[in-house]
Amino acid sequence: MEANTNQKQRCINIIERFPEEQLSMLADYLENMRKMLDEAYDMAFCVSLAELHKSYNPVHIEEDFSSIEDVANRLGVNLNDV
């Protein structure tokens, strides 16, 4: 927790060195930076999730797909009678 507090204080110290007339622009910049970081983290999470899924199930769904007719035939069901 102390390292986090030190980094927060570091940011505050940097902000305090900005002239008053630049603070609005700095605030806009920080808000945009935060949004970009959130989006980057979300994208990284999605990519890692996709990679995990890919390594877990390497068979593509198209290769594993059976038509309803094939399934019915294997089960001995006549679709014309249903």
Protein backbone atom coordinates (compact mmCIF):
# COMPACT_ATOMS: atom_id res chain seq x y z
CA MET A 1 0.00 0.00 0.00
CA GLU A 2 2.89 2.35 0.74
CA ALA A 3 4.24 2.07 -2.82
CA ASN A 4 0.79 3.00 -4.13
CA THR A 5 0.68 6.02 -1.80
CA ASN A 6 4.16 7.06 -2.94
CA GLN A 7 3.11 6.95 -6.60
CA LYS A 8 -0.05 8.91 -5.87
CA GLN A 9 1.97 11.54 -4.01
CA ARG A 10 4.43 11.66 -6.92
CA CYS A 11 1.54 12.43 -9.28
CA ILE A 12 0.22 15.11 -6.95
CA ASN A 13 3.67 16.70 -6.76
CA ILE A 14 3.88 16.83 -10.56
CA ILE A 15 0.40 18.35 -10.83
CA GLU A 16 1.25 21.00 -8.24
CA ARG A 17 4.11 22.22 -10.44
CA PHE A 18 1.73 23.07 -13.30
CA PRO A 19 0.63 26.68 -13.64
CA GLU A 20 -3.05 27.33 -12.82
CA GLU A 21 -3.92 28.19 -16.44
CA GLN A 22 -2.76 24.73 -17.64
CA LEU A 23 -4.71 22.67 -15.10
CA SER A 24 -7.87 22.41 -17.20
CA MET A 25 -5.91 21.05 -20.13
CA LEU A 26 -4.02 18.67 -17.81
CA ALA A 27 -7.29 17.39 -16.31
CA ASP A 28 -8.66 16.68 -19.81
CA TYR A 29 -5.44 14.91 -20.72
CA LEU A 30 -5.52 12.77 -17.56
CA GLU A 31 -9.16 11.79 -18.11
CA ASN A 32 -8.40 10.74 -21.70
CA MET A 33 -5.29 8.85 -20.58
CA ARG A 34 -7.36 6.98 -17.99
CA LYS A 35 -9.95 5.99 -20.62
CA MET A 36 -7.22 4.81 -22.99
CA LEU A 37 -5.63 2.70 -20.24
CA ASP A 38 -8.98 1.17 -19.31
CA GLU A 39 -9.63 0.27 -22.95
CA ALA A 40 -6.13 -1.18 -23.32
CA TYR A 41 -6.59 -3.32 -20.20
CA ASP A 42 -9.99 -4.50 -21.45
CA MET A 43 -8.52 -5.38 -24.84
CA ALA A 44 -5.59 -7.24 -23.25
CA PHE A 45 -8.03 -9.19 -21.08
CA CYS A 46 -10.14 -10.13 -24.13
CA VAL A 47 -7.07 -11.20 -26.10
CA SER A 48 -5.80 -13.36 -23.23
CA LEU A 49 -9.25 -14.89 -22.83
CA ALA A 50 -9.38 -15.69 -26.56
CA GLU A 51 -5.89 -17.22 -26.43
CA LEU A 52 -6.87 -19.30 -23.41
CA HIS A 53 -9.97 -20.54 -25.20
CA LYS A 54 -7.96 -21.30 -28.32
CA SER A 55 -5.46 -23.38 -26.36
CA TYR A 56 -8.23 -25.12 -24.42
CA ASN A 57 -10.35 -26.02 -27.44
CA PRO A 58 -8.25 -26.08 -30.61
CA VAL A 59 -11.02 -27.74 -32.66
CA HIS A 60 -13.01 -25.17 -34.56
CA ILE A 61 -16.74 -25.36 -34.28
CA GLU A 62 -17.12 -25.81 -38.05
CA GLU A 63 -15.11 -29.03 -37.86
CA ASP A 64 -17.19 -30.29 -34.95
CA PHE A 65 -20.55 -29.34 -36.46
CA SER A 66 -23.13 -31.98 -37.36
CA SER A 67 -26.26 -31.16 -39.30
CA ILE A 68 -29.65 -31.91 -37.79
CA GLU A 69 -30.14 -34.55 -40.48
CA ASP A 70 -26.90 -36.34 -39.50
CA VAL A 71 -27.85 -36.33 -35.84
CA ALA A 72 -31.35 -37.57 -36.61
CA ASN A 73 -29.95 -40.40 -38.79
CA ARG A 74 -27.53 -41.47 -36.04
CA LEU A 75 -30.41 -41.55 -33.54
CA GLY A 76 -32.71 -43.39 -35.96
CA VAL A 77 -35.18 -40.54 -36.14
CA ASN A 78 -36.98 -39.85 -39.41
CA LEU A 79 -37.42 -36.07 -39.68
CA ASN A 80 -40.28 -36.53 -42.15
CA ASP A 81 -42.32 -38.22 -39.43
CA VAL A 82 -41.82 -35.44 -36.91
